[in-house]
Amino acid sequence: MSPSDASRMPGPMTWAALVFLGLTTATWWPHTDLGDSQLYQVVARHMVEDGSWTQLRYLPTVHPRFFEHLPFGFWPFALVIRILGEPALRPLCAAFSLGTLLLTGSVARRSAGTWAGVTAMLVLAFPDGFFIRGGHPFLEPLLLLLATGSAVPPLLGVPRARDWLVCGVLAAGACAVKGPFGLLPFAGATVARALVERSWKVLVIGTLVGLASTAPTVLFLVTHPDWWEGYVRHQVLASATGERLDGQNAWYIPFRTLGSRFWPGLPLLAAGGVLALGRPARALRALLPEGTPEPARVLRSARVLLLASLFVLTALCLPGRKVWNHSLVAFPLLAMLAGVGLGPWLEARLALPERARRARLGLAVLALLVLGASAAGAGRLLFPKRCPASGVLAPALADVPAGAPVLVVSTQYEWTTLAAFAVERRWLPRRLPELGSENPDGAQVAFVADGATVSASGWREVGRDGRWRLLRSP
C-alpha cells in the first residue's frame, strides 16, 4: 500500500467509532425487552398523544402521573416521535452515544496522542452497559453526551471565560435530564483541575458555574408544586436518604459496578493509574519511552482524569439508594484514563509507518467483523428470552386490540413484562398477585406465571410459553 493510499483510508478513530456502531446496532435486530427503555418510550408516546411537555404518564395502574425523572430528557424523544415516528428513537440515541464516544476519544487524543483516543473509544464502546443502553431510548445517551461535554474544558486545561460558559450550558442540560447525576462529571473535572493546578480560582469559578447550571431546573421545580412533591421529595430526597426500597444500599455499589460492568477496560485502568501517580519510576519509564512528546502534559492529564474519576465514583457512594446505571456517568472519564495511560506507549510502538499501517488494518478488520456479526444477527445471543406475547402465544393474541386491558398474574412485580406489553402491543396491563374475583378493568386475557394462584372460575387455558400460561375468559 502506497502512502497516498494509506492517507485515503479512514483514520483509526473512525474504525473505533464503527466498532461501537456495530455493537449497538446488533441490539436492534433481535427482539429486545429492556424494561426502562420501553417505559420511557411509552411515556414519550403519551406526551405526543396528550400534546403535553410536562404532564407525564405511564399506565393507569403504574405511574399514572410520572415523576420518576424530569420531563426534559423526554423532550427529544417526543419531538422525534412527532416528526419521524417511534422507529427513529434508536438511531437518535445511537447518535447521542456516538457523540459521547467521540468526545471521549477527542479528550484522550488531545492529551496523549491519536492512539490514546482510539484506546479510550474502544474501552468505552465494549462494556455492555454502554453499547446496549446506547442504542435504545434510555435517558443515559443524552445524559452522558451533555455531562461528558460539560467536563471537557477543565479536563483539557484551565478553562477560559468562553469555556466556562459552554460548561455551564451543557451542565444545565445534563442536570435537566437527570438531576444531580448530570453535574458529577463537570464537578469532578473542575475539582481535579483545581487540585492539579493548585488553583483556588478554578475551584471558585467552577463552583459558581455549577450552581448557576442548576438554576433552570430549580426554577422549573419551584414553579411546579406537583413536580417538587413528586420528583424532589419522593425521588431525589427519598433516594438520598435511602427511603426508597428499590435499588441497593451498600456504600460500595459504584465500585462494584466498575468491576462488573466496566470489565473489558478494567485491567487497562492500571496503566492510567501508574502514569498518574508517577510510581514506580521504572514502570513510568516503560509507559513513557524516550522521545514521547510533552511527557509533562501527559502526566498532568492522567492525574486530572484519575482525580476526576475518583471524585465521581466517591460521590456516587453518598446517596442511600444506589442503582448500577447511575455509575455510567463515570465510564467516559475512566475510558479516557485508560487511553491516556496506554497512549504514549502505543505512540512509541507504532511510530514506524509499517506498524501503524498494520494497527489500522487490524482495527478495520475488527470493525468489519463486528458490523458483519451485527448484520448476521449475533445480538440474539444477548437477548435469549422474549416477552410472552411475542413467542409461541402470539397467534392466540392476534385479536386482542390496542388499548385492551390485560392481566399479568405473578408473585413478582414483572416490570419488564408490563413494559413490553405496553410498548409493543399498546395494551393496558395490570399486575395482580393472584387471579381471583378482582378484575376491575374487565380484562378477558390473563398471563399467569408459574406459582401464581388462580381461584377465579370461568378462565380457560389456551396456551403456554415457558413459565407463562395464557388464560382467556368467555
Protein backbone atom coordinates (compact mmCIF):
# COMPACT_ATOMS: atom_id res chain seq x y z
CA MET A 1 0.00 0.00 0.00
CA SER A 2 1.41 3.36 -1.00
CA PRO A 3 1.50 6.35 1.37
CA SER A 4 -1.18 8.05 -0.73
CA ASP A 5 -3.46 5.01 -0.40
CA ALA A 6 -2.91 4.94 3.35
CA SER A 7 -3.78 8.62 3.65
CA ARG A 8 -7.12 7.99 1.95
CA MET A 9 -8.10 5.24 4.39
CA PRO A 10 -10.36 6.11 7.32
CA GLY A 11 -8.40 7.04 10.40
CA PRO A 12 -8.14 4.68 13.38
CA MET A 13 -10.66 6.68 15.41
CA THR A 14 -13.18 6.27 12.60
CA TRP A 15 -12.75 2.50 12.76
CA ALA A 16 -13.17 2.62 16.54
CA ALA A 17 -16.45 4.50 16.06
CA LEU A 18 -17.62 1.84 13.61
CA VAL A 19 -16.87 -0.84 16.19
CA PHE A 20 -19.27 0.89 18.56
CA LEU A 21 -21.94 1.28 15.86
CA GLY A 22 -21.65 -2.43 15.09
CA LEU A 23 -22.06 -3.32 18.75
CA THR A 24 -25.04 -1.06 19.43
CA THR A 25 -26.91 -1.87 16.21
CA ALA A 26 -26.51 -5.58 17.00
CA THR A 27 -29.10 -4.98 19.71
CA TRP A 28 -31.64 -3.67 17.20
CA TRP A 29 -32.30 -6.78 15.13
CA PRO A 30 -33.37 -9.32 17.79
CA HIS A 31 -36.44 -8.97 19.96
CA THR A 32 -35.37 -6.93 22.98
CA ASP A 33 -37.22 -6.33 26.24
CA LEU A 34 -35.25 -3.69 28.13
CA GLY A 35 -37.79 -2.57 30.68
CA ASP A 36 -36.95 1.05 31.42
CA SER A 37 -36.34 1.99 27.79
CA GLN A 38 -39.77 0.64 26.87
CA LEU A 39 -41.31 2.51 29.78
CA TYR A 40 -39.67 5.74 28.61
CA GLN A 41 -40.89 5.13 25.07
CA VAL A 42 -44.46 4.78 26.32
CA VAL A 43 -44.10 7.98 28.38
CA ALA A 44 -42.82 9.86 25.32
CA ARG A 45 -45.61 8.37 23.20
CA HIS A 46 -48.20 9.67 25.65
CA MET A 47 -46.57 13.11 25.61
CA VAL A 48 -47.21 13.25 21.87
CA GLU A 49 -50.74 11.90 22.20
CA ASP A 50 -51.58 14.35 25.01
CA GLY A 51 -49.80 17.32 23.46
CA SER A 52 -48.11 17.95 26.81
CA TRP A 53 -44.44 18.61 27.60
CA THR A 54 -44.62 18.50 31.40
CA GLN A 55 -47.60 16.29 32.31
CA LEU A 56 -46.13 12.79 32.03
CA ARG A 57 -47.96 9.48 32.46
CA TYR A 58 -47.21 5.79 32.02
CA LEU A 59 -50.09 3.34 32.68
CA PRO A 60 -53.38 3.87 34.50
CA THR A 61 -52.23 1.47 37.22
CA VAL A 62 -48.48 2.27 37.18
CA HIS A 63 -47.28 5.88 37.41
CA PRO A 64 -50.49 7.49 36.14
CA ARG A 65 -48.56 10.68 36.89
CA PHE A 66 -44.90 10.05 36.13
CA PHE A 67 -42.43 11.88 38.38
CA GLU A 68 -39.53 9.42 38.37
CA HIS A 69 -37.47 11.69 36.09
CA LEU A 70 -37.66 15.28 34.97
CA PRO A 71 -39.59 15.84 31.73
CA PHE A 72 -36.75 17.47 29.79
CA GLY A 73 -34.90 14.26 28.96
CA PHE A 74 -38.04 13.02 27.22
CA TRP A 75 -38.39 16.08 25.01
CA PRO A 76 -36.05 14.82 22.25
CA PHE A 77 -37.94 11.51 22.25
CA ALA A 78 -41.32 13.20 21.95
CA LEU A 79 -40.05 15.54 19.23
CA VAL A 80 -38.63 12.70 17.16
CA ILE A 81 -41.80 10.61 17.59
CA ARG A 82 -43.88 13.56 16.42
CA ILE A 83 -41.71 14.13 13.32
CA LEU A 84 -40.35 10.71 12.34
CA GLY A 85 -42.18 8.14 14.45
CA GLU A 86 -41.06 5.76 17.17
CA PRO A 87 -38.65 3.72 14.98
CA ALA A 88 -36.37 6.78 14.88
CA LEU A 89 -35.73 6.63 18.64
CA ARG A 90 -32.97 4.05 18.38
CA PRO A 91 -30.91 5.95 15.76
CA LEU A 92 -31.37 9.13 17.80
CA CYS A 93 -29.96 7.51 20.93
CA ALA A 94 -27.14 5.89 18.96
CA ALA A 95 -26.22 9.35 17.65
CA PHE A 96 -26.13 10.73 21.21
CA SER A 97 -23.92 7.84 22.33
CA LEU A 98 -21.65 8.21 19.33
CA GLY A 99 -21.20 11.85 20.31
CA THR A 100 -20.12 10.77 23.80
CA LEU A 101 -17.71 8.28 22.29
CA LEU A 102 -16.16 10.93 20.04
CA LEU A 103 -15.81 13.38 22.95
CA THR A 104 -14.09 10.65 24.96
CA GLY A 105 -11.69 9.90 22.13
CA SER A 106 -11.05 13.58 21.47
CA VAL A 107 -10.03 14.33 25.06
CA ALA A 108 -7.69 11.34 25.17
CA ARG A 109 -6.22 12.17 21.75
CA ARG A 110 -5.54 15.80 22.66
CA SER A 111 -3.98 14.68 25.93
CA ALA A 112 -1.75 11.83 24.77
CA GLY A 113 -1.96 11.24 21.02
CA THR A 114 -4.13 9.51 18.43
CA TRP A 115 -3.75 6.00 19.80
CA ALA A 116 -4.77 7.21 23.24
CA GLY A 117 -8.01 8.40 21.64
CA VAL A 118 -8.51 5.09 19.86
CA THR A 119 -7.91 3.14 23.08
CA ALA A 120 -10.33 5.33 25.04
CA MET A 121 -13.04 4.87 22.42
CA LEU A 122 -12.67 1.09 22.37
CA VAL A 123 -12.59 0.89 26.17
CA LEU A 124 -15.86 2.83 26.34
CA ALA A 125 -17.51 1.01 23.44
CA PHE A 126 -17.17 -2.55 24.70
CA PRO A 127 -18.91 -2.52 28.13
CA ASP A 128 -22.40 -3.90 27.54
CA GLY A 129 -23.89 -1.29 29.84
CA PHE A 130 -22.79 1.36 27.36
CA PHE A 131 -23.44 -0.17 23.95
CA ILE A 132 -26.76 -1.82 24.87
CA ARG A 133 -28.23 1.25 26.53
CA GLY A 134 -26.52 3.49 23.98
CA GLY A 135 -28.81 2.49 21.14
CA HIS A 136 -32.18 2.44 22.91
CA PRO A 137 -34.43 5.15 24.39
CA PHE A 138 -32.86 5.28 27.83
CA LEU A 139 -32.01 8.63 29.39
CA GLU A 140 -28.30 7.80 29.55
CA PRO A 141 -27.39 8.52 25.90
CA LEU A 142 -28.38 12.19 26.16
CA LEU A 143 -27.21 12.44 29.78
CA LEU A 144 -23.71 11.14 29.01
CA LEU A 145 -23.35 13.37 25.97
CA LEU A 146 -24.20 16.55 27.90
CA ALA A 147 -22.43 15.58 31.12
CA THR A 148 -19.24 14.49 29.37
CA GLY A 149 -19.28 17.58 27.17
CA SER A 150 -19.54 19.83 30.23
CA ALA A 151 -16.37 18.23 31.66
CA VAL A 152 -14.23 18.55 28.52
CA PRO A 153 -12.79 22.09 29.05
CA PRO A 154 -11.49 21.51 32.60
CA LEU A 155 -10.19 18.09 31.56
CA LEU A 156 -8.06 19.68 28.85
CA GLY A 157 -6.77 22.69 30.77
CA VAL A 158 -7.74 25.76 32.75
CA PRO A 159 -10.96 26.97 31.10
CA ARG A 160 -11.26 30.46 29.68
CA ALA A 161 -14.37 32.60 30.08
CA ARG A 162 -15.96 31.19 26.92
CA ASP A 163 -15.15 27.65 28.04
CA TRP A 164 -16.85 28.20 31.39
CA LEU A 165 -19.95 29.37 29.54
CA VAL A 166 -20.00 26.20 27.45
CA CYS A 167 -19.54 24.13 30.61
CA GLY A 168 -22.45 25.87 32.29
CA VAL A 169 -24.83 25.42 29.36
CA LEU A 170 -24.03 21.71 28.95
CA ALA A 171 -24.11 21.07 32.70
CA ALA A 172 -27.51 22.78 32.88
CA GLY A 173 -28.77 20.43 30.16
CA ALA A 174 -27.36 17.39 31.93
CA CYS A 175 -28.94 18.48 35.22
CA ALA A 176 -32.28 18.91 33.45
CA VAL A 177 -32.06 15.34 32.14
CA LYS A 178 -31.22 13.51 35.35
CA GLY A 179 -30.84 15.92 38.21
CA PRO A 180 -27.70 15.85 40.37
CA PHE A 181 -26.10 12.97 38.47
CA GLY A 182 -25.72 15.20 35.42
CA LEU A 183 -23.44 17.57 37.35
CA LEU A 184 -20.94 14.97 38.60
CA PRO A 185 -18.54 14.84 35.60
CA PHE A 186 -18.23 18.63 35.48
CA ALA A 187 -17.77 18.82 39.25
CA GLY A 188 -15.19 16.05 39.20
CA ALA A 189 -13.23 17.59 36.33
CA THR A 190 -13.27 21.03 37.96
CA VAL A 191 -12.11 19.77 41.35
CA ALA A 192 -9.41 17.66 39.70
CA ARG A 193 -8.13 20.56 37.60
CA ALA A 194 -8.10 22.85 40.63
CA LEU A 195 -6.08 20.33 42.65
CA VAL A 196 -3.57 19.62 39.88
CA GLU A 197 -3.11 23.34 39.13
CA ARG A 198 -3.30 24.21 42.84
CA SER A 199 -5.71 26.97 41.87
CA TRP A 200 -8.42 28.32 44.15
CA LYS A 201 -9.61 30.43 41.23
CA VAL A 202 -10.53 27.36 39.18
CA LEU A 203 -12.38 25.86 42.14
CA VAL A 204 -14.33 29.04 42.93
CA ILE A 205 -15.31 29.76 39.32
CA GLY A 206 -16.24 26.13 38.75
CA THR A 207 -18.42 26.11 41.86
CA LEU A 208 -20.23 29.25 40.74
CA VAL A 209 -20.75 27.83 37.24
CA GLY A 210 -22.04 24.58 38.71
CA LEU A 211 -24.50 26.38 40.95
CA ALA A 212 -25.67 28.57 38.07
CA SER A 213 -26.23 25.49 35.91
CA THR A 214 -28.84 24.22 38.37
CA ALA A 215 -30.91 27.41 38.07
CA PRO A 216 -33.16 26.37 35.14
CA THR A 217 -34.08 23.06 36.78
CA VAL A 218 -34.61 24.62 40.20
CA LEU A 219 -36.76 27.38 38.67
CA PHE A 220 -38.94 24.77 36.99
CA LEU A 221 -39.32 22.79 40.19
CA VAL A 222 -40.20 25.73 42.44
CA THR A 223 -42.82 26.94 39.94
CA HIS A 224 -44.40 23.48 39.58
CA PRO A 225 -45.50 22.24 43.04
CA ASP A 226 -46.55 18.85 41.65
CA TRP A 227 -43.02 18.23 40.38
CA TRP A 228 -41.48 19.49 43.60
CA GLU A 229 -43.56 16.99 45.54
CA GLY A 230 -43.25 14.10 43.10
CA TYR A 231 -39.64 14.50 41.99
CA VAL A 232 -37.76 16.35 44.73
CA ARG A 233 -39.45 14.83 47.78
CA HIS A 234 -40.35 11.35 46.57
CA GLN A 235 -37.49 10.76 44.14
CA VAL A 236 -34.36 12.80 44.93
CA LEU A 237 -34.68 13.12 48.71
CA ALA A 238 -36.07 9.61 49.13
CA SER A 239 -33.13 8.22 47.17
CA ALA A 240 -30.61 10.34 49.07
CA THR A 241 -31.89 9.17 52.45
CA GLY A 242 -32.45 5.54 51.39
CA GLU A 243 -36.22 5.66 51.95
CA ARG A 244 -36.87 4.10 48.55
CA LEU A 245 -36.80 0.33 48.72
CA ASP A 246 -35.80 -0.32 45.12
CA GLY A 247 -32.10 -0.28 44.32
CA GLN A 248 -29.24 -1.16 46.68
CA ASN A 249 -27.96 0.48 49.85
CA ALA A 250 -24.36 -0.70 50.26
CA TRP A 251 -21.88 2.17 50.00
CA TYR A 252 -19.53 0.33 47.62
CA ILE A 253 -22.08 -0.32 44.83
CA PRO A 254 -20.45 2.17 42.35
CA PHE A 255 -17.08 0.44 42.75
CA ARG A 256 -18.70 -2.98 42.41
CA THR A 257 -20.38 -1.74 39.25
CA LEU A 258 -16.98 -0.71 37.97
CA GLY A 259 -15.76 -4.27 38.43
CA SER A 260 -18.82 -5.97 36.97
CA ARG A 261 -19.78 -3.60 34.15
CA PHE A 262 -16.50 -1.96 33.08
CA TRP A 263 -14.67 -5.27 32.87
CA PRO A 264 -13.26 -5.00 29.30
CA GLY A 265 -11.33 -1.86 30.24
CA LEU A 266 -10.77 -2.57 33.91
CA PRO A 267 -7.23 -4.02 33.56
CA LEU A 268 -6.22 -1.06 31.39
CA LEU A 269 -7.02 1.40 34.17
CA ALA A 270 -3.84 0.25 35.90
CA ALA A 271 -1.77 1.93 33.19
CA GLY A 272 -3.53 5.22 33.74
CA GLY A 273 -3.21 4.94 37.50
CA VAL A 274 0.51 4.18 37.37
CA LEU A 275 1.05 7.06 34.98
CA ALA A 276 -0.95 9.49 37.12
CA LEU A 277 0.89 8.55 40.30
CA GLY A 278 4.30 8.52 38.65
CA ARG A 279 5.28 5.46 40.66
CA PRO A 280 7.20 3.29 40.36
CA ALA A 281 9.76 5.12 38.26
CA ARG A 282 10.70 2.04 36.25
CA ALA A 283 7.08 1.43 35.24
CA LEU A 284 6.70 5.11 34.41
CA ARG A 285 9.70 4.97 32.06
CA ALA A 286 8.14 1.96 30.36
CA LEU A 287 4.91 3.83 29.78
CA LEU A 288 6.66 7.00 28.65
CA PRO A 289 9.55 5.82 26.46
CA GLU A 290 12.30 8.21 25.48
CA GLY A 291 11.12 10.52 22.74
CA THR A 292 7.50 10.75 23.87
CA PRO A 293 6.33 14.33 23.17
CA GLU A 294 5.43 16.55 26.10
CA PRO A 295 5.51 13.90 28.86
CA ALA A 296 4.68 16.54 31.49
CA ARG A 297 1.39 17.33 29.74
CA VAL A 298 0.52 13.65 29.54
CA LEU A 299 1.26 13.15 33.23
CA ARG A 300 -0.87 16.15 34.16
CA SER A 301 -3.78 14.87 32.07
CA ALA A 302 -3.55 11.43 33.68
CA ARG A 303 -3.65 12.99 37.15
CA VAL A 304 -6.68 15.12 36.30
CA LEU A 305 -8.53 12.10 34.90
CA LEU A 306 -7.68 9.90 37.87
CA LEU A 307 -8.83 12.51 40.39
CA ALA A 308 -12.00 13.29 38.41
CA SER A 309 -12.90 9.60 38.17
CA LEU A 310 -12.34 9.05 41.89
CA PHE A 311 -14.42 12.14 42.71
CA VAL A 312 -17.38 10.90 40.64
CA LEU A 313 -17.24 7.34 41.99
CA THR A 314 -16.97 8.58 45.57
CA ALA A 315 -19.87 10.98 45.11
CA LEU A 316 -21.97 8.11 43.75
CA CYS A 317 -21.41 6.28 47.06
CA LEU A 318 -23.15 9.01 49.08
CA PRO A 319 -26.87 8.56 48.28
CA GLY A 320 -28.63 5.95 50.39
CA ARG A 321 -30.22 4.32 47.35
CA LYS A 322 -27.95 3.26 44.51
CA VAL A 323 -28.67 1.84 41.05
CA TRP A 324 -25.90 0.47 38.87
CA ASN A 325 -26.66 2.59 35.82
CA HIS A 326 -26.01 5.79 37.79
CA SER A 327 -22.33 4.84 37.61
CA LEU A 328 -22.35 5.17 33.82
CA VAL A 329 -21.53 8.89 34.19
CA ALA A 330 -18.03 7.82 35.27
CA PHE A 331 -17.40 5.48 32.32
CA PRO A 332 -16.20 8.13 29.81
CA LEU A 333 -13.73 9.52 32.36
CA LEU A 334 -12.44 6.03 33.13
CA ALA A 335 -12.09 5.28 29.42
CA MET A 336 -10.10 8.50 28.95
CA LEU A 337 -7.83 7.49 31.83
CA ALA A 338 -7.17 4.09 30.29
CA GLY A 339 -6.49 5.70 26.90
CA VAL A 340 -4.08 8.28 28.29
CA GLY A 341 -2.32 5.57 30.27
CA LEU A 342 -1.66 3.40 27.23
CA GLY A 343 -1.50 6.11 24.58
CA PRO A 344 2.16 7.16 24.91
CA TRP A 345 3.30 3.54 24.93
CA LEU A 346 1.27 2.84 21.77
CA GLU A 347 2.50 6.03 20.10
CA ALA A 348 6.09 4.94 20.65
CA ARG A 349 5.47 1.35 19.47
CA LEU A 350 3.55 2.48 16.38
CA ALA A 351 5.90 5.27 15.37
CA LEU A 352 7.14 3.22 12.39
CA PRO A 353 4.78 3.62 9.39
CA GLU A 354 4.58 -0.12 8.78
CA ARG A 355 3.50 -0.85 12.34
CA ALA A 356 0.94 1.94 12.22
CA ARG A 357 -0.43 0.57 8.96
CA ARG A 358 -0.83 -2.89 10.48
CA ALA A 359 -2.58 -1.43 13.51
CA ARG A 360 -5.02 0.49 11.31
CA LEU A 361 -5.63 -2.65 9.28
CA GLY A 362 -6.33 -4.62 12.44
CA LEU A 363 -8.83 -2.02 13.57
CA ALA A 364 -10.52 -2.08 10.17
CA VAL A 365 -10.82 -5.88 10.32
CA LEU A 366 -12.27 -5.68 13.84
CA ALA A 367 -14.82 -3.05 12.79
CA LEU A 368 -15.89 -5.04 9.73
CA LEU A 369 -16.20 -8.24 11.78
CA VAL A 370 -18.37 -6.52 14.37
CA LEU A 371 -20.54 -4.89 11.72
CA GLY A 372 -20.87 -8.20 9.90
CA ALA A 373 -21.79 -10.03 13.10
CA SER A 374 -24.37 -7.34 13.83
CA ALA A 375 -25.97 -7.71 10.40
CA ALA A 376 -25.96 -11.51 10.81
CA GLY A 377 -28.00 -11.25 13.99
CA ALA A 378 -25.33 -12.02 16.60
CA GLY A 379 -27.17 -9.74 19.00
CA ARG A 380 -29.68 -12.55 19.60
CA LEU A 381 -27.10 -14.10 21.91
CA LEU A 382 -27.56 -11.12 24.25
CA PHE A 383 -31.35 -11.42 24.45
CA PRO A 384 -32.30 -15.11 24.55
CA LYS A 385 -35.75 -14.55 26.11
CA ARG A 386 -38.77 -12.89 24.57
CA CYS A 387 -41.79 -11.43 26.28
CA PRO A 388 -44.66 -13.96 26.42
CA ALA A 389 -46.73 -12.05 23.86
CA SER A 390 -44.02 -12.26 21.17
CA GLY A 391 -43.31 -16.00 21.13
CA VAL A 392 -45.48 -19.05 20.57
CA LEU A 393 -48.51 -17.31 22.12
CA ALA A 394 -48.56 -14.53 19.52
CA PRO A 395 -51.13 -16.19 17.16
CA ALA A 396 -53.57 -16.64 20.03
CA LEU A 397 -53.35 -12.91 20.79
CA ALA A 398 -53.93 -11.57 17.29
CA ASP A 399 -57.49 -10.47 18.15
CA VAL A 400 -56.53 -8.51 21.29
CA PRO A 401 -56.65 -4.86 20.18
CA ALA A 402 -54.51 -1.93 21.24
CA GLY A 403 -55.83 -0.34 24.41
CA ALA A 404 -57.21 -3.61 25.75
CA PRO A 405 -56.83 -4.34 29.47
CA VAL A 406 -54.62 -7.36 30.15
CA LEU A 407 -53.85 -9.06 33.45
CA VAL A 408 -50.33 -10.12 34.42
CA VAL A 409 -50.66 -12.53 37.35
CA SER A 410 -47.46 -13.17 39.26
CA THR A 411 -45.98 -13.03 42.73
CA GLN A 412 -43.17 -10.92 41.24
CA TYR A 413 -43.55 -7.37 40.02
CA GLU A 414 -42.90 -8.23 36.32
CA TRP A 415 -41.70 -4.73 35.43
CA THR A 416 -40.20 -5.81 32.10
CA THR A 417 -43.28 -7.79 31.04
CA LEU A 418 -45.58 -4.85 31.76
CA ALA A 419 -43.32 -2.53 29.78
CA ALA A 420 -43.12 -4.91 26.83
CA PHE A 421 -46.90 -5.28 26.63
CA ALA A 422 -47.38 -1.52 26.84
CA VAL A 423 -44.84 -0.57 24.19
CA GLU A 424 -45.22 -3.42 21.70
CA ARG A 425 -48.93 -4.19 21.87
CA ARG A 426 -50.17 -0.86 23.28
CA TRP A 427 -52.15 -2.82 25.85
CA LEU A 428 -53.05 -1.60 29.34
CA PRO A 429 -51.51 -4.30 31.56
CA ARG A 430 -52.36 -4.61 35.23
CA ARG A 431 -50.31 -6.79 37.54
CA LEU A 432 -52.12 -8.91 40.18
CA PRO A 433 -50.57 -11.27 42.73
CA GLU A 434 -53.32 -13.84 42.08
CA LEU A 435 -56.20 -14.33 39.67
CA GLY A 436 -59.28 -14.12 41.86
CA SER A 437 -62.55 -12.31 41.60
CA GLU A 438 -60.82 -8.93 41.24
CA ASN A 439 -60.96 -7.77 37.62
CA PRO A 440 -61.76 -4.05 37.74
CA ASP A 441 -60.92 -3.44 34.08
CA GLY A 442 -62.98 -6.33 32.75
CA ALA A 443 -59.93 -7.94 31.15
CA GLN A 444 -60.53 -11.05 29.08
CA VAL A 445 -56.87 -12.04 28.77
CA ALA A 446 -54.55 -13.07 31.60
CA PHE A 447 -50.91 -14.15 31.63
CA VAL A 448 -50.35 -16.33 34.67
CA ALA A 449 -46.80 -17.08 35.83
CA ASP A 450 -45.85 -20.39 37.40
CA GLY A 451 -46.53 -20.32 41.10
CA ALA A 452 -49.34 -17.76 40.88
CA THR A 453 -52.76 -18.75 42.26
CA VAL A 454 -55.88 -18.93 40.08
CA SER A 455 -59.01 -19.05 42.20
CA ALA A 456 -61.49 -17.40 39.83
CA SER A 457 -63.76 -19.56 37.71
CA GLY A 458 -64.55 -19.05 34.06
CA TRP A 459 -60.95 -18.79 32.82
CA ARG A 460 -59.62 -21.39 30.40
CA GLU A 461 -56.06 -22.04 29.37
CA VAL A 462 -55.42 -21.52 25.64
CA GLY A 463 -51.63 -21.74 25.52
CA ARG A 464 -48.33 -21.90 27.39
CA ASP A 465 -44.92 -20.34 26.85
CA GLY A 466 -42.28 -21.36 29.35
CA ARG A 467 -43.28 -20.08 32.78
CA TRP A 468 -46.40 -18.35 31.45
CA ARG A 469 -49.90 -19.71 30.89
CA LEU A 470 -52.30 -17.75 28.68
CA LEU A 471 -55.85 -17.74 30.04
CA ARG A 472 -58.94 -16.25 28.50
CA SER A 473 -62.41 -15.64 29.88
CA PRO A 474 -65.60 -16.08 27.88
